Amino acid sequence: GGGDPQPADTFVVEPAELELEIGETKEVRVWAFPRTLGAHADQLVICVQDNPHPVTFPFTALGVDPELELQGPWVERAEQAAREAAETAARSGSRTSLEAAEAEKPKTGKGDKPKTGRPGTSGKGKGAAPPPPAEEPGEAPGVEPLLDF
């Protein structure tokens, strides 16, 4: 009393009406859906045949604003998440295709030019072959990707 009127659908009673025989019991559920802040009160009224006074069961519910508390660190972009996933994969011993390609590159000294072409050719002229196709990033041979974006 004395506050704003509460919506009629704050409380839902299931079943809305029920008749019982003597000695019979049944379950009644009361659901609360407060849509405004503060206390909401109502009552379940039971009328007993041949009894002039109804029996009441009061109940209340408290309407509150839902809150969610999050603790960082925060990932701001999908690229950041992908980079962290790749770092995790590298720390766990998985090799990325870039790491595998770097390991397979011939090491050259200062001033040396890397040789290209098929084995047994000088890498010059008609005998030179185009470089092999690059692998897709993130896919090492024989290794399933950790994340699929």
N, C-alpha and C. Protein backbone atom coordinates (compact mmCIF):
# COMPACT_ATOMS: atom_id res chain seq x y z
N GLY A 1 0.79 -1.18 0.00
CA GLY A 1 0.00 0.00 0.00
C GLY A 1 0.83 1.23 0.00
N GLY A 2 0.25 2.31 -0.55
CA GLY A 2 0.85 3.62 -0.52
C GLY A 2 1.84 3.87 -1.64
N GLY A 3 2.27 2.85 -2.38
CA GLY A 3 3.25 3.03 -3.46
C GLY A 3 2.58 3.02 -4.81
N ASP A 4 3.41 2.94 -5.83
CA ASP A 4 2.86 2.84 -7.18
C ASP A 4 2.11 1.52 -7.31
N PRO A 5 1.01 1.53 -8.08
CA PRO A 5 0.31 0.25 -8.26
C PRO A 5 1.19 -0.72 -9.03
N GLN A 6 1.19 -1.97 -8.60
CA GLN A 6 2.02 -2.96 -9.28
C GLN A 6 1.25 -3.55 -10.45
N PRO A 7 1.96 -3.94 -11.49
CA PRO A 7 1.28 -4.56 -12.62
C PRO A 7 0.57 -5.84 -12.20
N ALA A 8 -0.53 -6.12 -12.86
CA ALA A 8 -1.32 -7.31 -12.52
C ALA A 8 -0.57 -8.59 -12.83
N ASP A 9 0.45 -8.54 -13.69
CA ASP A 9 1.17 -9.75 -14.06
C ASP A 9 2.50 -9.92 -13.31
N THR A 10 2.68 -9.23 -12.17
CA THR A 10 3.89 -9.41 -11.37
C THR A 10 3.96 -10.84 -10.86
N PHE A 11 2.85 -11.38 -10.40
CA PHE A 11 2.79 -12.75 -9.89
C PHE A 11 1.89 -13.59 -10.77
N VAL A 12 2.32 -14.81 -10.99
CA VAL A 12 1.51 -15.77 -11.76
C VAL A 12 1.35 -17.00 -10.89
N VAL A 13 0.09 -17.43 -10.71
CA VAL A 13 -0.21 -18.61 -9.90
C VAL A 13 -0.67 -19.71 -10.86
N GLU A 14 -0.04 -20.88 -10.73
CA GLU A 14 -0.40 -22.02 -11.59
C GLU A 14 -0.76 -23.21 -10.72
N PRO A 15 -1.91 -23.76 -10.87
CA PRO A 15 -3.05 -23.33 -11.68
C PRO A 15 -3.75 -22.14 -11.02
N ALA A 16 -4.45 -21.34 -11.83
CA ALA A 16 -5.13 -20.15 -11.32
C ALA A 16 -6.29 -20.52 -10.40
N GLU A 17 -6.97 -21.60 -10.68
CA GLU A 17 -8.05 -22.10 -9.82
C GLU A 17 -7.85 -23.59 -9.61
N LEU A 18 -8.29 -24.07 -8.43
CA LEU A 18 -8.08 -25.47 -8.10
C LEU A 18 -9.15 -25.91 -7.11
N GLU A 19 -9.74 -27.06 -7.34
CA GLU A 19 -10.69 -27.64 -6.39
C GLU A 19 -10.12 -28.95 -5.88
N LEU A 20 -10.20 -29.15 -4.57
CA LEU A 20 -9.66 -30.36 -3.93
C LEU A 20 -10.77 -31.10 -3.19
N GLU A 21 -10.66 -32.40 -3.19
CA GLU A 21 -11.54 -33.23 -2.38
C GLU A 21 -10.95 -33.30 -0.97
N ILE A 22 -11.70 -33.73 -0.01
CA ILE A 22 -11.23 -33.85 1.37
C ILE A 22 -10.05 -34.84 1.39
N GLY A 23 -8.94 -34.42 2.02
CA GLY A 23 -7.74 -35.25 2.13
C GLY A 23 -6.82 -35.20 0.91
N GLU A 24 -7.24 -34.56 -0.15
CA GLU A 24 -6.45 -34.50 -1.38
C GLU A 24 -5.44 -33.34 -1.31
N THR A 25 -4.28 -33.54 -1.90
CA THR A 25 -3.28 -32.46 -1.98
C THR A 25 -2.82 -32.31 -3.43
N LYS A 26 -2.51 -31.10 -3.81
CA LYS A 26 -1.97 -30.79 -5.14
C LYS A 26 -0.98 -29.65 -4.98
N GLU A 27 -0.08 -29.56 -5.93
CA GLU A 27 0.94 -28.52 -5.91
C GLU A 27 0.45 -27.26 -6.60
N VAL A 28 0.73 -26.11 -5.99
CA VAL A 28 0.44 -24.80 -6.58
C VAL A 28 1.77 -24.05 -6.67
N ARG A 29 2.06 -23.48 -7.81
CA ARG A 29 3.30 -22.71 -7.99
C ARG A 29 2.98 -21.24 -8.12
N VAL A 30 3.81 -20.42 -7.48
CA VAL A 30 3.69 -18.97 -7.59
C VAL A 30 4.99 -18.46 -8.21
N TRP A 31 4.88 -17.79 -9.34
CA TRP A 31 6.03 -17.23 -10.05
C TRP A 31 5.99 -15.71 -9.88
N ALA A 32 7.16 -15.10 -9.68
CA ALA A 32 7.25 -13.64 -9.53
C ALA A 32 8.06 -13.06 -10.67
N PHE A 33 7.51 -12.03 -11.32
CA PHE A 33 8.18 -11.33 -12.42
C PHE A 33 8.08 -9.83 -12.20
N PRO A 34 8.75 -9.30 -11.17
CA PRO A 34 8.66 -7.85 -10.93
C PRO A 34 9.32 -7.06 -12.06
N ARG A 35 8.62 -6.07 -12.57
CA ARG A 35 9.13 -5.27 -13.68
C ARG A 35 9.63 -3.90 -13.21
N THR A 36 9.42 -3.60 -11.95
CA THR A 36 9.89 -2.33 -11.39
C THR A 36 10.70 -2.62 -10.13
N LEU A 37 11.52 -1.66 -9.73
CA LEU A 37 12.34 -1.81 -8.53
C LEU A 37 11.47 -1.77 -7.28
N GLY A 38 11.93 -2.45 -6.24
CA GLY A 38 11.25 -2.38 -4.95
C GLY A 38 10.48 -3.64 -4.62
N ALA A 39 9.80 -3.57 -3.47
CA ALA A 39 9.04 -4.72 -2.98
C ALA A 39 7.69 -4.82 -3.67
N HIS A 40 7.30 -6.04 -3.95
CA HIS A 40 5.99 -6.34 -4.54
C HIS A 40 5.34 -7.39 -3.65
N ALA A 41 4.10 -7.16 -3.28
CA ALA A 41 3.41 -8.09 -2.38
C ALA A 41 2.07 -8.48 -2.97
N ASP A 42 1.65 -9.68 -2.66
CA ASP A 42 0.34 -10.18 -3.05
C ASP A 42 0.02 -11.33 -2.11
N GLN A 43 -1.08 -12.00 -2.35
CA GLN A 43 -1.43 -13.12 -1.49
C GLN A 43 -2.23 -14.16 -2.27
N LEU A 44 -2.10 -15.38 -1.82
CA LEU A 44 -2.86 -16.49 -2.36
C LEU A 44 -4.07 -16.66 -1.45
N VAL A 45 -5.27 -16.62 -2.02
CA VAL A 45 -6.50 -16.71 -1.23
C VAL A 45 -7.12 -18.08 -1.44
N ILE A 46 -7.39 -18.75 -0.33
CA ILE A 46 -7.99 -20.09 -0.38
C ILE A 46 -9.35 -20.03 0.30
N CYS A 47 -10.35 -20.46 -0.44
CA CYS A 47 -11.71 -20.50 0.10
C CYS A 47 -12.07 -21.96 0.39
N VAL A 48 -12.48 -22.22 1.60
CA VAL A 48 -12.86 -23.56 2.02
C VAL A 48 -14.39 -23.60 2.09
N GLN A 49 -14.96 -24.66 1.49
CA GLN A 49 -16.41 -24.80 1.46
C GLN A 49 -16.96 -24.82 2.88
N ASP A 50 -18.05 -24.15 3.09
CA ASP A 50 -18.75 -24.04 4.38
C ASP A 50 -17.91 -23.31 5.43
N ASN A 51 -16.90 -22.55 5.02
CA ASN A 51 -16.11 -21.74 5.95
C ASN A 51 -16.25 -20.29 5.49
N PRO A 52 -16.80 -19.42 6.33
CA PRO A 52 -17.04 -18.04 5.90
C PRO A 52 -15.76 -17.20 5.78
N HIS A 53 -14.65 -17.66 6.35
CA HIS A 53 -13.41 -16.87 6.33
C HIS A 53 -12.38 -17.51 5.40
N PRO A 54 -11.96 -16.78 4.37
CA PRO A 54 -10.93 -17.33 3.49
C PRO A 54 -9.58 -17.41 4.21
N VAL A 55 -8.74 -18.32 3.77
CA VAL A 55 -7.38 -18.46 4.30
C VAL A 55 -6.45 -17.78 3.29
N THR A 56 -5.53 -16.95 3.80
CA THR A 56 -4.61 -16.24 2.90
C THR A 56 -3.16 -16.63 3.18
N PHE A 57 -2.38 -16.67 2.13
CA PHE A 57 -0.95 -16.91 2.21
C PHE A 57 -0.25 -15.72 1.53
N PRO A 58 0.25 -14.76 2.31
CA PRO A 58 0.92 -13.61 1.70
C PRO A 58 2.32 -13.99 1.18
N PHE A 59 2.75 -13.31 0.13
CA PHE A 59 4.10 -13.50 -0.38
C PHE A 59 4.59 -12.18 -0.95
N THR A 60 5.92 -12.03 -1.01
CA THR A 60 6.54 -10.82 -1.54
C THR A 60 7.68 -11.20 -2.48
N ALA A 61 8.00 -10.26 -3.33
CA ALA A 61 9.16 -10.40 -4.23
C ALA A 61 9.83 -9.04 -4.31
N LEU A 62 11.11 -9.04 -4.50
CA LEU A 62 11.87 -7.80 -4.58
C LEU A 62 12.35 -7.59 -6.01
N GLY A 63 11.94 -6.48 -6.61
CA GLY A 63 12.40 -6.14 -7.95
C GLY A 63 13.72 -5.39 -7.87
N VAL A 64 14.72 -5.86 -8.59
CA VAL A 64 16.05 -5.24 -8.59
C VAL A 64 16.55 -5.09 -10.02
N ASP A 65 17.53 -4.20 -10.20
CA ASP A 65 18.20 -4.08 -11.50
C ASP A 65 19.22 -5.19 -11.60
N PRO A 66 19.19 -5.97 -12.67
CA PRO A 66 20.22 -7.01 -12.82
C PRO A 66 21.57 -6.37 -13.06
N GLU A 67 22.61 -6.95 -12.48
CA GLU A 67 23.97 -6.45 -12.65
C GLU A 67 24.87 -7.60 -13.05
N LEU A 68 25.89 -7.26 -13.78
CA LEU A 68 26.88 -8.24 -14.20
C LEU A 68 28.24 -7.63 -13.97
N GLU A 69 29.07 -8.30 -13.20
CA GLU A 69 30.41 -7.80 -12.93
C GLU A 69 31.41 -8.66 -13.69
N LEU A 70 32.25 -8.00 -14.48
CA LEU A 70 33.25 -8.70 -15.28
C LEU A 70 34.63 -8.29 -14.81
N GLN A 71 35.56 -9.22 -14.88
CA GLN A 71 36.94 -8.92 -14.53
C GLN A 71 37.81 -9.19 -15.74
N GLY A 72 38.73 -8.27 -16.06
CA GLY A 72 39.57 -8.31 -17.25
C GLY A 72 40.56 -9.45 -17.23
N PRO A 73 41.47 -9.57 -18.14
CA PRO A 73 41.78 -8.58 -19.17
C PRO A 73 40.75 -8.59 -20.30
N TRP A 74 40.64 -7.49 -21.00
CA TRP A 74 39.62 -7.34 -22.03
C TRP A 74 40.22 -7.60 -23.40
N VAL A 75 39.50 -8.31 -24.24
CA VAL A 75 39.89 -8.52 -25.63
C VAL A 75 39.03 -7.59 -26.45
N GLU A 76 39.68 -6.65 -27.13
CA GLU A 76 38.93 -5.62 -27.83
C GLU A 76 38.61 -5.97 -29.28
N ARG A 77 39.42 -6.81 -29.90
CA ARG A 77 39.20 -7.12 -31.31
C ARG A 77 39.38 -8.60 -31.57
N ALA A 78 38.79 -9.07 -32.63
CA ALA A 78 38.93 -10.48 -33.01
C ALA A 78 40.39 -10.80 -33.34
N GLU A 79 41.11 -9.82 -33.92
CA GLU A 79 42.52 -10.06 -34.25
C GLU A 79 43.32 -10.33 -32.99
N GLN A 80 43.01 -9.59 -31.91
CA GLN A 80 43.72 -9.78 -30.64
C GLN A 80 43.48 -11.20 -30.14
N ALA A 81 42.24 -11.66 -30.22
CA ALA A 81 41.92 -13.02 -29.76
C ALA A 81 42.64 -14.05 -30.62
N ALA A 82 42.69 -13.83 -31.93
CA ALA A 82 43.38 -14.76 -32.82
C ALA A 82 44.87 -14.79 -32.53
N ARG A 83 45.46 -13.61 -32.27
CA ARG A 83 46.89 -13.54 -31.96
C ARG A 83 47.19 -14.28 -30.66
N GLU A 84 46.34 -14.09 -29.65
CA GLU A 84 46.55 -14.79 -28.38
C GLU A 84 46.40 -16.30 -28.55
N ALA A 85 45.46 -16.73 -29.39
CA ALA A 85 45.29 -18.16 -29.64
C ALA A 85 46.52 -18.73 -30.33
N ALA A 86 47.09 -17.97 -31.27
CA ALA A 86 48.30 -18.42 -31.96
C ALA A 86 49.48 -18.49 -30.99
N GLU A 87 49.57 -17.50 -30.08
CA GLU A 87 50.64 -17.53 -29.09
C GLU A 87 50.49 -18.74 -28.17
N THR A 88 49.27 -19.04 -27.79
CA THR A 88 49.02 -20.21 -26.95
C THR A 88 49.42 -21.48 -27.68
N ALA A 89 49.09 -21.56 -28.97
CA ALA A 89 49.45 -22.74 -29.77
C ALA A 89 50.96 -22.86 -29.86
N ALA A 90 51.66 -21.73 -30.05
CA ALA A 90 53.12 -21.76 -30.15
C ALA A 90 53.73 -22.19 -28.82
N ARG A 91 53.18 -21.73 -27.71
CA ARG A 91 53.70 -22.12 -26.40
C ARG A 91 53.46 -23.59 -26.13
N SER A 92 52.41 -24.16 -26.71
CA SER A 92 52.11 -25.56 -26.44
C SER A 92 52.92 -26.50 -27.34
N GLY A 93 53.77 -25.95 -28.19
CA GLY A 93 54.65 -26.79 -29.00
C GLY A 93 54.19 -26.94 -30.44
N SER A 94 53.07 -26.38 -30.82
CA SER A 94 52.61 -26.48 -32.19
C SER A 94 53.40 -25.51 -33.06
N ARG A 95 53.69 -25.93 -34.28
CA ARG A 95 54.38 -25.05 -35.22
C ARG A 95 53.37 -24.50 -36.19
N THR A 96 53.40 -23.21 -36.42
CA THR A 96 52.54 -22.62 -37.43
C THR A 96 53.20 -22.81 -38.78
N SER A 97 52.46 -22.59 -39.85
CA SER A 97 53.03 -22.75 -41.19
C SER A 97 54.15 -21.75 -41.42
N LEU A 98 54.06 -20.56 -40.82
CA LEU A 98 55.12 -19.57 -40.97
C LEU A 98 56.40 -20.07 -40.30
N GLU A 99 56.28 -20.63 -39.11
CA GLU A 99 57.45 -21.18 -38.42
C GLU A 99 58.06 -22.33 -39.21
N ALA A 100 57.21 -23.19 -39.76
CA ALA A 100 57.70 -24.32 -40.55
C ALA A 100 58.41 -23.83 -41.80
N ALA A 101 57.87 -22.81 -42.46
CA ALA A 101 58.48 -22.26 -43.66
C ALA A 101 59.83 -21.63 -43.33
N GLU A 102 59.92 -20.92 -42.21
CA GLU A 102 61.18 -20.30 -41.79
C GLU A 102 62.23 -21.38 -41.52
N ALA A 103 61.84 -22.48 -40.93
CA ALA A 103 62.78 -23.55 -40.61
C ALA A 103 63.30 -24.23 -41.87
N GLU A 104 62.49 -24.25 -42.95
CA GLU A 104 62.88 -24.93 -44.18
C GLU A 104 63.67 -24.04 -45.13
N LYS A 105 63.74 -22.71 -44.88
CA LYS A 105 64.47 -21.80 -45.76
C LYS A 105 65.95 -22.09 -45.67
N PRO A 106 66.66 -22.03 -46.80
CA PRO A 106 68.11 -22.20 -46.74
C PRO A 106 68.74 -21.01 -46.04
N LYS A 107 69.72 -21.29 -45.22
CA LYS A 107 70.43 -20.23 -44.52
C LYS A 107 71.49 -19.68 -45.45
N THR A 108 71.58 -18.37 -45.56
CA THR A 108 72.58 -17.75 -46.41
C THR A 108 73.48 -16.88 -45.56
N GLY A 109 74.73 -16.80 -45.98
CA GLY A 109 75.66 -15.91 -45.30
C GLY A 109 75.56 -14.52 -45.90
N LYS A 110 76.35 -13.59 -45.36
CA LYS A 110 76.33 -12.22 -45.89
C LYS A 110 76.79 -12.24 -47.34
N GLY A 111 76.03 -11.58 -48.18
CA GLY A 111 76.40 -11.46 -49.58
C GLY A 111 75.99 -12.65 -50.43
N ASP A 112 75.62 -13.77 -49.83
CA ASP A 112 75.19 -14.93 -50.61
C ASP A 112 73.78 -14.70 -51.12
N LYS A 113 73.53 -15.15 -52.33
CA LYS A 113 72.18 -15.09 -52.86
C LYS A 113 71.58 -16.47 -52.75
N PRO A 114 70.33 -16.56 -52.26
CA PRO A 114 69.72 -17.89 -52.19
C PRO A 114 69.50 -18.44 -53.59
N LYS A 115 69.68 -19.74 -53.73
CA LYS A 115 69.51 -20.40 -55.01
C LYS A 115 68.05 -20.79 -55.17
N THR A 116 67.54 -20.67 -56.39
CA THR A 116 66.18 -21.09 -56.68
C THR A 116 66.22 -22.09 -57.81
N GLY A 117 65.15 -22.79 -58.01
CA GLY A 117 65.08 -23.75 -59.10
C GLY A 117 65.10 -25.16 -58.58
N ARG A 118 65.09 -26.11 -59.53
CA ARG A 118 65.09 -27.52 -59.17
C ARG A 118 66.49 -27.95 -58.76
N PRO A 119 66.57 -29.01 -57.98
CA PRO A 119 67.91 -29.51 -57.65
C PRO A 119 68.65 -29.87 -58.93
N GLY A 120 69.93 -29.56 -58.97
CA GLY A 120 70.72 -29.87 -60.15
C GLY A 120 70.72 -28.77 -61.18
N THR A 121 69.98 -27.69 -60.97
CA THR A 121 70.01 -26.57 -61.91
C THR A 121 70.66 -25.40 -61.22
N SER A 122 71.09 -24.45 -62.01
CA SER A 122 71.79 -23.30 -61.45
C SER A 122 70.83 -22.25 -60.94
N GLY A 123 69.56 -22.37 -61.25
CA GLY A 123 68.60 -21.36 -60.84
C GLY A 123 68.53 -20.23 -61.83
N LYS A 124 69.23 -20.36 -62.97
CA LYS A 124 69.23 -19.31 -63.97
C LYS A 124 68.64 -19.86 -65.26
N GLY A 125 68.05 -19.01 -66.04
CA GLY A 125 67.60 -19.40 -67.36
C GLY A 125 66.37 -20.26 -67.35
N LYS A 126 66.29 -21.10 -68.47
CA LYS A 126 65.08 -21.88 -68.69
C LYS A 126 64.88 -22.99 -67.67
N GLY A 127 65.92 -23.48 -67.03
CA GLY A 127 65.78 -24.60 -66.11
C GLY A 127 65.20 -24.20 -64.76
N ALA A 128 65.05 -22.92 -64.50
CA ALA A 128 64.57 -22.48 -63.18
C ALA A 128 63.08 -22.75 -63.07
N ALA A 129 62.68 -23.22 -61.92
CA ALA A 129 61.26 -23.51 -61.67
C ALA A 129 60.68 -22.43 -60.77
N PRO A 130 59.39 -22.17 -60.90
CA PRO A 130 58.79 -21.19 -59.99
C PRO A 130 58.80 -21.73 -58.57
N PRO A 131 58.77 -20.85 -57.60
CA PRO A 131 58.77 -21.32 -56.21
C PRO A 131 57.51 -22.12 -55.92
N PRO A 132 57.57 -23.06 -54.98
CA PRO A 132 56.38 -23.85 -54.66
C PRO A 132 55.29 -22.95 -54.10
N PRO A 133 54.02 -23.35 -54.29
CA PRO A 133 52.92 -22.51 -53.78
C PRO A 133 53.01 -22.41 -52.25
N ALA A 134 52.69 -21.24 -51.76
CA ALA A 134 52.72 -21.01 -50.31
C ALA A 134 51.54 -21.72 -49.66
N GLU A 135 51.78 -22.19 -48.46
CA GLU A 135 50.69 -22.82 -47.71
C GLU A 135 49.76 -21.75 -47.18
N GLU A 136 48.54 -22.15 -46.87
CA GLU A 136 47.59 -21.23 -46.26
C GLU A 136 48.09 -20.88 -44.87
N PRO A 137 47.99 -19.60 -44.45
CA PRO A 137 48.42 -19.24 -43.10
C PRO A 137 47.62 -19.99 -42.05
N GLY A 138 48.30 -20.40 -41.01
CA GLY A 138 47.62 -21.06 -39.90
C GLY A 138 47.41 -22.54 -40.09
N GLU A 139 47.84 -23.09 -41.23
CA GLU A 139 47.63 -24.51 -41.46
C GLU A 139 48.96 -25.20 -41.71
N ALA A 140 49.51 -25.81 -40.69
CA ALA A 140 50.74 -26.57 -40.85
C ALA A 140 50.38 -27.95 -41.36
N PRO A 141 51.23 -28.57 -42.17
CA PRO A 141 50.90 -29.88 -42.72
C PRO A 141 50.70 -30.90 -41.60
N GLY A 142 49.61 -31.65 -41.70
CA GLY A 142 49.34 -32.70 -40.73
C GLY A 142 48.90 -32.21 -39.36
N VAL A 143 48.63 -30.92 -39.22
CA VAL A 143 48.21 -30.38 -37.92
C VAL A 143 46.85 -29.72 -38.09
N GLU A 144 45.92 -30.09 -37.25
CA GLU A 144 44.60 -29.47 -37.29
C GLU A 144 44.67 -28.10 -36.64
N PRO A 145 44.00 -27.07 -37.17
CA PRO A 145 44.03 -25.75 -36.55
C PRO A 145 43.31 -25.78 -35.20
N LEU A 146 43.83 -24.99 -34.25
CA LEU A 146 43.20 -24.90 -32.94
C LEU A 146 41.86 -24.19 -33.01
N LEU A 147 41.83 -23.06 -33.70
CA LEU A 147 40.62 -22.27 -33.83
C LEU A 147 40.32 -22.08 -35.30
N ASP A 148 39.07 -22.09 -35.66
CA ASP A 148 38.67 -21.90 -37.04
C ASP A 148 37.81 -20.65 -37.10
N PHE A 149 38.37 -19.54 -37.57
CA PHE A 149 37.62 -18.28 -37.63
C PHE A 149 37.00 -18.11 -38.98
